[in-house]
Amino acid sequence: MNHLAHVVLAGPDPDDRLGAFLGDHVKGIEAVEALPPGLARGVRLHRKIDSWSDHHPAVVDLRASSGPEWRRYSGVILDVLFDAMLVRHWETWQDVALDDFARGIDRLLAERRNEIPTRLVRFADWAARANLWTRYDDREMLEQIFTGLSRRHGRPSPLKDGTMLLDRMEPEIERTFEALFPWLRRRAAAFRQDPR
């Protein structure tokens, strides 16, 4: 799962949502434990979601069937494409309109920018300008995301061609998302009730 799915799965609490963003930026157990309790809970949930998703049988099968040229990078690419599937089927999973949800994310990140790393502030500013949250299923946006991932990766990789994996395996990706997301919602809800 990528940013949008993490925020949806974090539930309505602003600390959990901000922690969902921090999940890729806070490294080590000590750093998580140093955070305020709500943010730490959100980071821990982010990490659990990543682990649950990576080990779900449908995701394991999908990555294996992606082919040897994609296998090493398929997890990163699929995270982005799962967000595309979430946007595509938004009304199935959320009662709040996507535009309203997107404005809420942008507002949260702007209001609490002093609590997040500089790199995440830059990303949040770009996401707001680009209308990222509503455009995850837009081909041009996906290509921009994959180009940025490839540039940050710094080594030759198929990341910049992530939309080619979508073209080749779209029905399988969509079916995997439809199996995975409700399962993740149940697990995330259970974790939010009892985060131990």
N, C-alpha and C. Protein backbone atom coordinates (compact mmCIF):
# COMPACT_ATOMS: atom_id res chain seq x y z
N MET A 1 0.84 -1.17 0.00
CA MET A 1 0.00 0.00 0.00
C MET A 1 0.89 1.24 0.00
N ASN A 2 0.40 2.27 -0.68
CA ASN A 2 1.15 3.52 -0.71
C ASN A 2 0.45 4.55 0.18
N HIS A 3 0.80 5.80 0.05
CA HIS A 3 0.34 6.84 0.98
C HIS A 3 -1.17 6.86 1.19
N LEU A 4 -1.93 6.89 0.12
CA LEU A 4 -3.38 7.05 0.26
C LEU A 4 -4.00 5.90 1.04
N ALA A 5 -3.64 4.69 0.68
CA ALA A 5 -4.20 3.52 1.39
C ALA A 5 -3.79 3.53 2.85
N HIS A 6 -2.55 3.91 3.13
CA HIS A 6 -2.11 3.97 4.52
C HIS A 6 -2.96 4.96 5.32
N VAL A 7 -3.27 6.10 4.74
CA VAL A 7 -4.07 7.09 5.46
C VAL A 7 -5.50 6.59 5.66
N VAL A 8 -6.07 5.96 4.65
CA VAL A 8 -7.42 5.39 4.78
C VAL A 8 -7.44 4.34 5.88
N LEU A 9 -6.46 3.44 5.86
CA LEU A 9 -6.42 2.35 6.84
C LEU A 9 -6.09 2.84 8.24
N ALA A 10 -5.49 4.02 8.35
CA ALA A 10 -5.18 4.58 9.67
C ALA A 10 -6.44 5.00 10.42
N GLY A 11 -7.56 5.14 9.73
CA GLY A 11 -8.79 5.54 10.39
C GLY A 11 -8.88 7.05 10.54
N PRO A 12 -9.84 7.53 11.31
CA PRO A 12 -10.12 8.97 11.36
C PRO A 12 -9.23 9.80 12.28
N ASP A 13 -8.48 9.17 13.17
CA ASP A 13 -7.68 9.92 14.14
C ASP A 13 -6.53 10.64 13.43
N PRO A 14 -6.41 11.96 13.63
CA PRO A 14 -5.34 12.72 12.95
C PRO A 14 -3.93 12.24 13.31
N ASP A 15 -3.70 11.84 14.56
CA ASP A 15 -2.38 11.33 14.92
C ASP A 15 -2.06 10.03 14.18
N ASP A 16 -3.04 9.14 14.10
CA ASP A 16 -2.83 7.90 13.37
C ASP A 16 -2.54 8.19 11.89
N ARG A 17 -3.25 9.15 11.35
CA ARG A 17 -3.03 9.50 9.94
C ARG A 17 -1.65 10.11 9.72
N LEU A 18 -1.25 11.02 10.58
CA LEU A 18 0.08 11.61 10.44
C LEU A 18 1.14 10.54 10.65
N GLY A 19 0.92 9.66 11.61
CA GLY A 19 1.83 8.54 11.82
C GLY A 19 1.93 7.64 10.60
N ALA A 20 0.83 7.51 9.86
CA ALA A 20 0.86 6.71 8.62
C ALA A 20 1.84 7.31 7.62
N PHE A 21 1.91 8.63 7.56
CA PHE A 21 2.89 9.27 6.69
C PHE A 21 4.31 9.10 7.21
N LEU A 22 4.46 9.15 8.51
CA LEU A 22 5.79 9.06 9.11
C LEU A 22 6.39 7.66 9.03
N GLY A 23 5.56 6.67 8.72
CA GLY A 23 6.00 5.27 8.72
C GLY A 23 7.22 5.00 7.87
N ASP A 24 7.37 5.71 6.77
CA ASP A 24 8.54 5.51 5.90
C ASP A 24 9.69 6.43 6.26
N HIS A 25 9.51 7.30 7.24
CA HIS A 25 10.53 8.31 7.55
C HIS A 25 11.17 8.13 8.92
N VAL A 26 10.51 7.42 9.81
CA VAL A 26 11.03 7.20 11.16
C VAL A 26 11.67 5.82 11.19
N LYS A 27 12.95 5.79 11.51
CA LYS A 27 13.71 4.53 11.46
C LYS A 27 14.09 4.08 12.87
N GLY A 28 13.87 2.83 13.15
CA GLY A 28 14.29 2.25 14.41
C GLY A 28 13.24 2.32 15.50
N ILE A 29 13.29 1.34 16.39
CA ILE A 29 12.32 1.24 17.48
C ILE A 29 12.44 2.42 18.43
N GLU A 30 13.67 2.83 18.73
CA GLU A 30 13.87 3.95 19.66
C GLU A 30 13.24 5.23 19.12
N ALA A 31 13.38 5.47 17.84
CA ALA A 31 12.81 6.68 17.23
C ALA A 31 11.29 6.65 17.30
N VAL A 32 10.70 5.48 17.11
CA VAL A 32 9.24 5.36 17.20
C VAL A 32 8.79 5.60 18.64
N GLU A 33 9.51 5.01 19.58
CA GLU A 33 9.14 5.16 20.99
C GLU A 33 9.30 6.59 21.50
N ALA A 34 10.13 7.39 20.81
CA ALA A 34 10.34 8.79 21.20
C ALA A 34 9.21 9.70 20.71
N LEU A 35 8.37 9.19 19.82
CA LEU A 35 7.25 9.99 19.29
C LEU A 35 6.12 10.08 20.31
N PRO A 36 5.26 11.10 20.18
CA PRO A 36 4.04 11.11 20.98
C PRO A 36 3.25 9.82 20.72
N PRO A 37 2.50 9.33 21.72
CA PRO A 37 1.83 8.02 21.59
C PRO A 37 0.98 7.85 20.33
N GLY A 38 0.20 8.86 19.95
CA GLY A 38 -0.66 8.73 18.77
C GLY A 38 0.12 8.58 17.49
N LEU A 39 1.19 9.36 17.35
CA LEU A 39 2.03 9.25 16.15
C LEU A 39 2.75 7.90 16.12
N ALA A 40 3.23 7.46 17.29
CA ALA A 40 3.91 6.16 17.35
C ALA A 40 2.95 5.04 16.95
N ARG A 41 1.71 5.12 17.41
CA ARG A 41 0.71 4.11 17.04
C ARG A 41 0.51 4.10 15.52
N GLY A 42 0.44 5.28 14.91
CA GLY A 42 0.27 5.38 13.46
C GLY A 42 1.45 4.80 12.70
N VAL A 43 2.66 5.04 13.20
CA VAL A 43 3.85 4.47 12.56
C VAL A 43 3.84 2.94 12.68
N ARG A 44 3.50 2.45 13.87
CA ARG A 44 3.46 0.99 14.05
C ARG A 44 2.40 0.36 13.14
N LEU A 45 1.25 1.02 13.00
CA LEU A 45 0.22 0.49 12.11
C LEU A 45 0.73 0.50 10.67
N HIS A 46 1.40 1.56 10.25
CA HIS A 46 1.97 1.62 8.90
C HIS A 46 2.86 0.40 8.65
N ARG A 47 3.72 0.12 9.60
CA ARG A 47 4.65 -1.00 9.44
C ARG A 47 3.92 -2.34 9.40
N LYS A 48 2.90 -2.46 10.22
CA LYS A 48 2.11 -3.71 10.20
C LYS A 48 1.42 -3.87 8.84
N ILE A 49 0.84 -2.78 8.34
CA ILE A 49 0.16 -2.84 7.03
C ILE A 49 1.14 -3.28 5.95
N ASP A 50 2.34 -2.72 5.97
CA ASP A 50 3.35 -3.12 4.98
C ASP A 50 3.64 -4.62 5.09
N SER A 51 3.82 -5.09 6.30
CA SER A 51 4.13 -6.51 6.50
C SER A 51 2.95 -7.40 6.10
N TRP A 52 1.75 -7.04 6.56
CA TRP A 52 0.57 -7.83 6.21
C TRP A 52 0.41 -7.90 4.69
N SER A 53 0.56 -6.76 4.05
CA SER A 53 0.38 -6.70 2.60
C SER A 53 1.45 -7.54 1.89
N ASP A 54 2.70 -7.36 2.26
CA ASP A 54 3.79 -8.09 1.60
C ASP A 54 3.66 -9.59 1.73
N HIS A 55 3.04 -10.06 2.83
CA HIS A 55 2.95 -11.50 3.07
C HIS A 55 1.59 -12.10 2.72
N HIS A 56 0.66 -11.28 2.24
CA HIS A 56 -0.64 -11.81 1.85
C HIS A 56 -0.45 -12.73 0.65
N PRO A 57 -1.06 -13.93 0.67
CA PRO A 57 -0.84 -14.89 -0.42
C PRO A 57 -1.15 -14.32 -1.81
N ALA A 58 -2.17 -13.51 -1.94
CA ALA A 58 -2.50 -12.95 -3.27
C ALA A 58 -1.39 -12.02 -3.76
N VAL A 59 -0.80 -11.26 -2.85
CA VAL A 59 0.30 -10.35 -3.23
C VAL A 59 1.55 -11.15 -3.57
N VAL A 60 1.84 -12.16 -2.77
CA VAL A 60 3.00 -13.02 -3.04
C VAL A 60 2.86 -13.65 -4.42
N ASP A 61 1.68 -14.16 -4.74
CA ASP A 61 1.44 -14.78 -6.05
C ASP A 61 1.56 -13.75 -7.18
N LEU A 62 1.01 -12.57 -6.97
CA LEU A 62 1.07 -11.54 -7.99
C LEU A 62 2.51 -11.13 -8.26
N ARG A 63 3.29 -10.94 -7.22
CA ARG A 63 4.70 -10.56 -7.40
C ARG A 63 5.45 -11.67 -8.13
N ALA A 64 5.17 -12.91 -7.79
CA ALA A 64 5.86 -14.03 -8.44
C ALA A 64 5.50 -14.11 -9.92
N SER A 65 4.26 -13.77 -10.25
CA SER A 65 3.84 -13.86 -11.65
C SER A 65 4.22 -12.64 -12.48
N SER A 66 4.80 -11.63 -11.83
CA SER A 66 5.16 -10.41 -12.56
C SER A 66 6.35 -10.63 -13.49
N GLY A 67 7.12 -11.67 -13.25
CA GLY A 67 8.26 -11.96 -14.11
C GLY A 67 9.56 -11.52 -13.47
N PRO A 68 10.67 -12.14 -13.88
CA PRO A 68 11.96 -11.87 -13.23
C PRO A 68 12.44 -10.43 -13.39
N GLU A 69 12.07 -9.77 -14.47
CA GLU A 69 12.53 -8.39 -14.69
C GLU A 69 11.88 -7.40 -13.72
N TRP A 70 10.74 -7.79 -13.12
CA TRP A 70 10.02 -6.90 -12.21
C TRP A 70 10.17 -7.30 -10.75
N ARG A 71 10.50 -8.55 -10.51
CA ARG A 71 10.35 -9.13 -9.18
C ARG A 71 10.96 -8.27 -8.07
N ARG A 72 12.16 -7.79 -8.24
CA ARG A 72 12.81 -7.02 -7.18
C ARG A 72 12.07 -5.71 -6.88
N TYR A 73 11.45 -5.12 -7.88
CA TYR A 73 10.81 -3.81 -7.74
C TYR A 73 9.28 -3.88 -7.74
N SER A 74 8.76 -5.07 -7.93
CA SER A 74 7.30 -5.19 -8.06
C SER A 74 6.57 -4.74 -6.80
N GLY A 75 7.16 -4.93 -5.64
CA GLY A 75 6.49 -4.51 -4.41
C GLY A 75 6.26 -3.01 -4.37
N VAL A 76 7.27 -2.23 -4.72
CA VAL A 76 7.15 -0.77 -4.75
C VAL A 76 6.12 -0.34 -5.80
N ILE A 77 6.22 -0.95 -6.97
CA ILE A 77 5.29 -0.60 -8.07
C ILE A 77 3.87 -0.95 -7.68
N LEU A 78 3.67 -2.13 -7.11
CA LEU A 78 2.32 -2.54 -6.73
C LEU A 78 1.74 -1.66 -5.63
N ASP A 79 2.58 -1.19 -4.71
CA ASP A 79 2.07 -0.27 -3.68
C ASP A 79 1.40 0.94 -4.33
N VAL A 80 2.06 1.52 -5.33
CA VAL A 80 1.50 2.68 -6.03
C VAL A 80 0.23 2.27 -6.79
N LEU A 81 0.28 1.13 -7.47
CA LEU A 81 -0.87 0.70 -8.27
C LEU A 81 -2.06 0.31 -7.39
N PHE A 82 -1.80 -0.16 -6.19
CA PHE A 82 -2.91 -0.43 -5.27
C PHE A 82 -3.60 0.87 -4.87
N ASP A 83 -2.84 1.96 -4.72
CA ASP A 83 -3.48 3.25 -4.48
C ASP A 83 -4.32 3.67 -5.69
N ALA A 84 -3.85 3.35 -6.89
CA ALA A 84 -4.65 3.63 -8.09
C ALA A 84 -5.96 2.86 -8.05
N MET A 85 -5.91 1.61 -7.60
CA MET A 85 -7.13 0.80 -7.50
C MET A 85 -8.06 1.36 -6.42
N LEU A 86 -7.48 1.86 -5.34
CA LEU A 86 -8.30 2.46 -4.29
C LEU A 86 -9.05 3.67 -4.83
N VAL A 87 -8.39 4.53 -5.59
CA VAL A 87 -9.05 5.69 -6.18
C VAL A 87 -10.12 5.23 -7.18
N ARG A 88 -9.80 4.24 -7.97
CA ARG A 88 -10.73 3.73 -8.97
C ARG A 88 -12.03 3.24 -8.33
N HIS A 89 -11.93 2.64 -7.16
CA HIS A 89 -13.10 2.06 -6.49
C HIS A 89 -13.40 2.78 -5.17
N TRP A 90 -13.10 4.05 -5.13
CA TRP A 90 -13.20 4.83 -3.90
C TRP A 90 -14.54 4.67 -3.19
N GLU A 91 -15.64 4.77 -3.92
CA GLU A 91 -16.97 4.73 -3.32
C GLU A 91 -17.26 3.40 -2.64
N THR A 92 -16.56 2.35 -3.03
CA THR A 92 -16.74 1.05 -2.39
C THR A 92 -16.18 1.06 -0.97
N TRP A 93 -15.13 1.84 -0.76
CA TRP A 93 -14.38 1.75 0.49
C TRP A 93 -14.55 2.94 1.42
N GLN A 94 -15.06 4.05 0.92
CA GLN A 94 -15.15 5.25 1.73
C GLN A 94 -16.50 5.93 1.54
N ASP A 95 -17.02 6.47 2.63
CA ASP A 95 -18.26 7.25 2.57
C ASP A 95 -17.99 8.71 2.25
N VAL A 96 -16.79 9.18 2.50
CA VAL A 96 -16.41 10.57 2.26
C VAL A 96 -15.99 10.70 0.80
N ALA A 97 -16.44 11.76 0.14
CA ALA A 97 -16.03 12.00 -1.25
C ALA A 97 -14.52 12.12 -1.33
N LEU A 98 -13.93 11.62 -2.40
CA LEU A 98 -12.48 11.64 -2.56
C LEU A 98 -11.93 13.07 -2.50
N ASP A 99 -12.59 14.02 -3.14
CA ASP A 99 -12.12 15.42 -3.09
C ASP A 99 -12.07 15.93 -1.65
N ASP A 100 -13.08 15.62 -0.86
CA ASP A 100 -13.11 16.06 0.53
C ASP A 100 -12.01 15.37 1.35
N PHE A 101 -11.84 14.09 1.11
CA PHE A 101 -10.79 13.34 1.82
C PHE A 101 -9.42 13.92 1.48
N ALA A 102 -9.21 14.22 0.20
CA ALA A 102 -7.94 14.78 -0.26
C ALA A 102 -7.67 16.13 0.41
N ARG A 103 -8.67 16.97 0.47
CA ARG A 103 -8.49 18.27 1.14
C ARG A 103 -8.13 18.07 2.61
N GLY A 104 -8.74 17.07 3.24
CA GLY A 104 -8.41 16.78 4.63
C GLY A 104 -6.96 16.34 4.82
N ILE A 105 -6.45 15.53 3.90
CA ILE A 105 -5.05 15.11 3.97
C ILE A 105 -4.14 16.33 3.82
N ASP A 106 -4.41 17.13 2.79
CA ASP A 106 -3.58 18.32 2.56
C ASP A 106 -3.61 19.26 3.77
N ARG A 107 -4.78 19.43 4.36
CA ARG A 107 -4.92 20.30 5.53
C ARG A 107 -4.13 19.74 6.72
N LEU A 108 -4.25 18.44 6.97
CA LEU A 108 -3.50 17.81 8.06
C LEU A 108 -2.00 18.02 7.90
N LEU A 109 -1.49 17.75 6.71
CA LEU A 109 -0.06 17.88 6.48
C LEU A 109 0.40 19.34 6.58
N ALA A 110 -0.43 20.27 6.14
CA ALA A 110 -0.07 21.69 6.23
C ALA A 110 -0.10 22.18 7.68
N GLU A 111 -1.13 21.80 8.41
CA GLU A 111 -1.28 22.27 9.80
C GLU A 111 -0.21 21.69 10.72
N ARG A 112 0.30 20.50 10.38
CA ARG A 112 1.23 19.83 11.30
C ARG A 112 2.62 19.67 10.68
N ARG A 113 2.93 20.56 9.75
CA ARG A 113 4.21 20.46 9.03
C ARG A 113 5.41 20.57 9.96
N ASN A 114 5.25 21.21 11.11
CA ASN A 114 6.37 21.32 12.05
C ASN A 114 6.66 19.99 12.75
N GLU A 115 5.80 18.99 12.57
CA GLU A 115 6.00 17.69 13.21
C GLU A 115 6.56 16.64 12.25
N ILE A 116 6.79 17.03 11.00
CA ILE A 116 7.22 16.05 10.00
C ILE A 116 8.57 16.45 9.41
N PRO A 117 9.34 15.46 8.93
CA PRO A 117 10.65 15.76 8.36
C PRO A 117 10.55 16.65 7.11
N THR A 118 11.63 17.35 6.83
CA THR A 118 11.68 18.27 5.69
C THR A 118 11.33 17.57 4.38
N ARG A 119 11.84 16.37 4.20
CA ARG A 119 11.55 15.63 2.96
C ARG A 119 10.04 15.39 2.82
N LEU A 120 9.37 15.08 3.92
CA LEU A 120 7.92 14.87 3.89
C LEU A 120 7.17 16.18 3.67
N VAL A 121 7.70 17.29 4.20
CA VAL A 121 7.10 18.60 3.94
C VAL A 121 7.14 18.90 2.44
N ARG A 122 8.29 18.66 1.82
CA ARG A 122 8.42 18.89 0.36
C ARG A 122 7.43 18.01 -0.40
N PHE A 123 7.33 16.74 0.01
CA PHE A 123 6.39 15.84 -0.65
C PHE A 123 4.96 16.34 -0.47
N ALA A 124 4.60 16.75 0.73
CA ALA A 124 3.24 17.23 1.01
C ALA A 124 2.91 18.45 0.15
N ASP A 125 3.86 19.36 0.02
CA ASP A 125 3.64 20.54 -0.82
C ASP A 125 3.42 20.14 -2.28
N TRP A 126 4.25 19.23 -2.76
CA TRP A 126 4.10 18.75 -4.14
C TRP A 126 2.75 18.03 -4.31
N ALA A 127 2.40 17.16 -3.36
CA ALA A 127 1.15 16.40 -3.45
C ALA A 127 -0.06 17.34 -3.53
N ALA A 128 -0.05 18.40 -2.74
CA ALA A 128 -1.16 19.36 -2.76
C ALA A 128 -1.22 20.09 -4.10
N ARG A 129 -0.06 20.54 -4.60
CA ARG A 129 -0.04 21.24 -5.90
C ARG A 129 -0.49 20.33 -7.04
N ALA A 130 -0.07 19.07 -6.97
CA ALA A 130 -0.35 18.12 -8.06
C ALA A 130 -1.72 17.45 -7.94
N ASN A 131 -2.43 17.71 -6.85
CA ASN A 131 -3.70 17.01 -6.59
C ASN A 131 -3.50 15.49 -6.60
N LEU A 132 -2.42 15.07 -5.98
CA LEU A 132 -2.04 13.66 -6.00
C LEU A 132 -3.16 12.73 -5.57
N TRP A 133 -3.80 13.04 -4.44
CA TRP A 133 -4.73 12.09 -3.83
C TRP A 133 -5.90 11.74 -4.74
N THR A 134 -6.32 12.66 -5.57
CA THR A 134 -7.45 12.40 -6.47
C THR A 134 -6.99 11.87 -7.82
N ARG A 135 -5.69 11.85 -8.06
CA ARG A 135 -5.17 11.51 -9.39
C ARG A 135 -4.36 10.22 -9.43
N TYR A 136 -4.41 9.42 -8.40
CA TYR A 136 -3.62 8.19 -8.40
C TYR A 136 -3.99 7.25 -9.54
N ASP A 137 -5.17 7.35 -10.07
CA ASP A 137 -5.57 6.48 -11.18
C ASP A 137 -5.43 7.19 -12.53
N ASP A 138 -4.74 8.30 -12.55
CA ASP A 138 -4.49 9.08 -13.77
C ASP A 138 -3.14 8.64 -14.35
N ARG A 139 -3.14 8.24 -15.61
CA ARG A 139 -1.94 7.70 -16.24
C ARG A 139 -0.75 8.67 -16.15
N GLU A 140 -1.01 9.93 -16.43
CA GLU A 140 0.07 10.93 -16.38
C GLU A 140 0.66 11.03 -14.97
N MET A 141 -0.21 11.01 -13.97
CA MET A 141 0.27 11.07 -12.59
C MET A 141 1.08 9.83 -12.24
N LEU A 142 0.60 8.65 -12.65
CA LEU A 142 1.34 7.43 -12.37
C LEU A 142 2.73 7.48 -13.00
N GLU A 143 2.81 7.96 -14.23
CA GLU A 143 4.12 8.05 -14.88
C GLU A 143 5.02 9.02 -14.13
N GLN A 144 4.47 10.12 -13.65
CA GLN A 144 5.25 11.09 -12.88
C GLN A 144 5.74 10.45 -11.57
N ILE A 145 4.88 9.70 -10.91
CA ILE A 145 5.28 9.03 -9.66
C ILE A 145 6.41 8.04 -9.93
N PHE A 146 6.26 7.21 -10.95
CA PHE A 146 7.27 6.20 -11.23
C PHE A 146 8.59 6.83 -11.68
N THR A 147 8.53 7.91 -12.41
CA THR A 147 9.76 8.63 -12.80
C THR A 147 10.47 9.16 -11.56
N GLY A 148 9.70 9.73 -10.64
CA GLY A 148 10.29 10.23 -9.40
C GLY A 148 10.90 9.12 -8.56
N LEU A 149 10.20 7.99 -8.45
CA LEU A 149 10.75 6.85 -7.69
C LEU A 149 12.05 6.38 -8.31
N SER A 150 12.08 6.30 -9.64
CA SER A 150 13.28 5.85 -10.34
C SER A 150 14.44 6.81 -10.11
N ARG A 151 14.16 8.10 -10.16
CA ARG A 151 15.20 9.11 -9.95
C ARG A 151 15.77 9.01 -8.52
N ARG A 152 14.89 8.85 -7.53
CA ARG A 152 15.34 8.74 -6.14
C ARG A 152 16.11 7.44 -5.90
N HIS A 153 15.75 6.40 -6.63
CA HIS A 153 16.42 5.11 -6.47
C HIS A 153 17.88 5.22 -6.92
N GLY A 154 18.12 5.95 -7.99
CA GLY A 154 19.48 6.26 -8.41
C GLY A 154 20.19 5.21 -9.24
N ARG A 155 19.69 3.99 -9.29
CA ARG A 155 20.31 2.94 -10.10
C ARG A 155 19.35 2.56 -11.22
N PRO A 156 19.87 2.02 -12.31
CA PRO A 156 18.96 1.55 -13.37
C PRO A 156 17.98 0.51 -12.79
N SER A 157 16.72 0.72 -13.09
CA SER A 157 15.68 -0.19 -12.58
C SER A 157 14.44 -0.02 -13.45
N PRO A 158 13.51 -0.96 -13.34
CA PRO A 158 12.26 -0.82 -14.09
C PRO A 158 11.23 0.09 -13.41
N LEU A 159 11.62 0.79 -12.35
CA LEU A 159 10.66 1.63 -11.62
C LEU A 159 10.01 2.66 -12.53
N LYS A 160 10.80 3.27 -13.42
CA LYS A 160 10.24 4.32 -14.27
C LYS A 160 9.19 3.77 -15.23
N ASP A 161 9.18 2.46 -15.44
CA ASP A 161 8.23 1.83 -16.36
C ASP A 161 7.10 1.12 -15.62
N GLY A 162 6.79 1.58 -14.42
CA GLY A 162 5.76 0.93 -13.61
C GLY A 162 4.42 0.80 -14.30
N THR A 163 4.07 1.76 -15.15
CA THR A 163 2.77 1.67 -15.84
C THR A 163 2.75 0.49 -16.82
N MET A 164 3.92 0.03 -17.26
CA MET A 164 3.95 -1.14 -18.13
C MET A 164 3.46 -2.38 -17.39
N LEU A 165 3.77 -2.47 -16.10
CA LEU A 165 3.27 -3.60 -15.31
C LEU A 165 1.75 -3.52 -15.20
N LEU A 166 1.23 -2.30 -15.03
CA LEU A 166 -0.22 -2.11 -15.01
C LEU A 166 -0.82 -2.56 -16.34
N ASP A 167 -0.22 -2.16 -17.44
CA ASP A 167 -0.74 -2.54 -18.76
C ASP A 167 -0.76 -4.05 -18.93
N ARG A 168 0.27 -4.70 -18.45
CA ARG A 168 0.39 -6.14 -18.63
C ARG A 168 -0.47 -6.95 -17.68
N MET A 169 -0.73 -6.42 -16.47
CA MET A 169 -1.37 -7.24 -15.45
C MET A 169 -2.54 -6.55 -14.76
N GLU A 170 -3.17 -5.61 -15.42
CA GLU A 170 -4.21 -4.82 -14.76
C GLU A 170 -5.32 -5.66 -14.12
N PRO A 171 -5.89 -6.65 -14.83
CA PRO A 171 -6.95 -7.44 -14.18
C PRO A 171 -6.46 -8.17 -12.93
N GLU A 172 -5.24 -8.70 -12.99
CA GLU A 172 -4.69 -9.41 -11.85
C GLU A 172 -4.42 -8.46 -10.69
N ILE A 173 -3.93 -7.28 -11.00
CA ILE A 173 -3.65 -6.27 -9.96
C ILE A 173 -4.97 -5.86 -9.29
N GLU A 174 -5.98 -5.64 -10.10
CA GLU A 174 -7.28 -5.23 -9.55
C GLU A 174 -7.88 -6.33 -8.68
N ARG A 175 -7.81 -7.58 -9.13
CA ARG A 175 -8.34 -8.70 -8.33
C ARG A 175 -7.58 -8.86 -7.03
N THR A 176 -6.27 -8.69 -7.07
CA THR A 176 -5.46 -8.80 -5.86
C THR A 176 -5.84 -7.70 -4.88
N PHE A 177 -5.98 -6.48 -5.38
CA PHE A 177 -6.39 -5.38 -4.51
C PHE A 177 -7.74 -5.68 -3.87
N GLU A 178 -8.69 -6.19 -4.66
CA GLU A 178 -10.03 -6.48 -4.14
C GLU A 178 -10.01 -7.57 -3.07
N ALA A 179 -9.05 -8.47 -3.14
CA ALA A 179 -8.90 -9.49 -2.09
C ALA A 179 -8.16 -8.93 -0.88
N LEU A 180 -7.17 -8.10 -1.13
CA LEU A 180 -6.30 -7.60 -0.08
C LEU A 180 -6.93 -6.51 0.77
N PHE A 181 -7.55 -5.53 0.15
CA PHE A 181 -7.94 -4.33 0.88
C PHE A 181 -8.96 -4.59 1.99
N PRO A 182 -10.02 -5.36 1.76
CA PRO A 182 -10.94 -5.60 2.88
C PRO A 182 -10.28 -6.36 4.03
N TRP A 183 -9.37 -7.25 3.71
CA TRP A 183 -8.63 -7.99 4.73
C TRP A 183 -7.77 -7.02 5.54
N LEU A 184 -7.08 -6.09 4.86
CA LEU A 184 -6.28 -5.09 5.56
C LEU A 184 -7.15 -4.18 6.41
N ARG A 185 -8.32 -3.83 5.92
CA ARG A 185 -9.22 -2.96 6.71
C ARG A 185 -9.60 -3.61 8.02
N ARG A 186 -9.92 -4.90 7.97
CA ARG A 186 -10.29 -5.60 9.20
C ARG A 186 -9.11 -5.66 10.17
N ARG A 187 -7.94 -5.98 9.66
CA ARG A 187 -6.76 -6.08 10.52
C ARG A 187 -6.38 -4.72 11.10
N ALA A 188 -6.45 -3.67 10.26
CA ALA A 188 -6.11 -2.32 10.74
C ALA A 188 -7.11 -1.87 11.81
N ALA A 189 -8.39 -2.15 11.60
CA ALA A 189 -9.40 -1.78 12.59
C ALA A 189 -9.15 -2.49 13.91
N ALA A 190 -8.78 -3.77 13.84
CA ALA A 190 -8.49 -4.53 15.06
C ALA A 190 -7.26 -3.94 15.77
N PHE A 191 -6.26 -3.57 15.00
CA PHE A 191 -5.06 -2.96 15.60
C PHE A 191 -5.41 -1.63 16.27
N ARG A 192 -6.22 -0.82 15.62
CA ARG A 192 -6.58 0.48 16.22
C ARG A 192 -7.34 0.29 17.53
N GLN A 193 -8.11 -0.79 17.65
CA GLN A 193 -8.82 -1.09 18.88
C GLN A 193 -7.87 -1.55 19.99
N ASP A 194 -6.86 -2.32 19.58
CA ASP A 194 -5.90 -2.87 20.55
C ASP A 194 -4.51 -2.87 19.91
N PRO A 195 -3.77 -1.76 20.02
CA PRO A 195 -2.49 -1.63 19.32
C PRO A 195 -1.30 -2.37 19.93
N ARG A 196 -1.55 -3.28 20.81
CA ARG A 196 -0.43 -4.04 21.39
C ARG A 196 0.10 -5.05 20.44
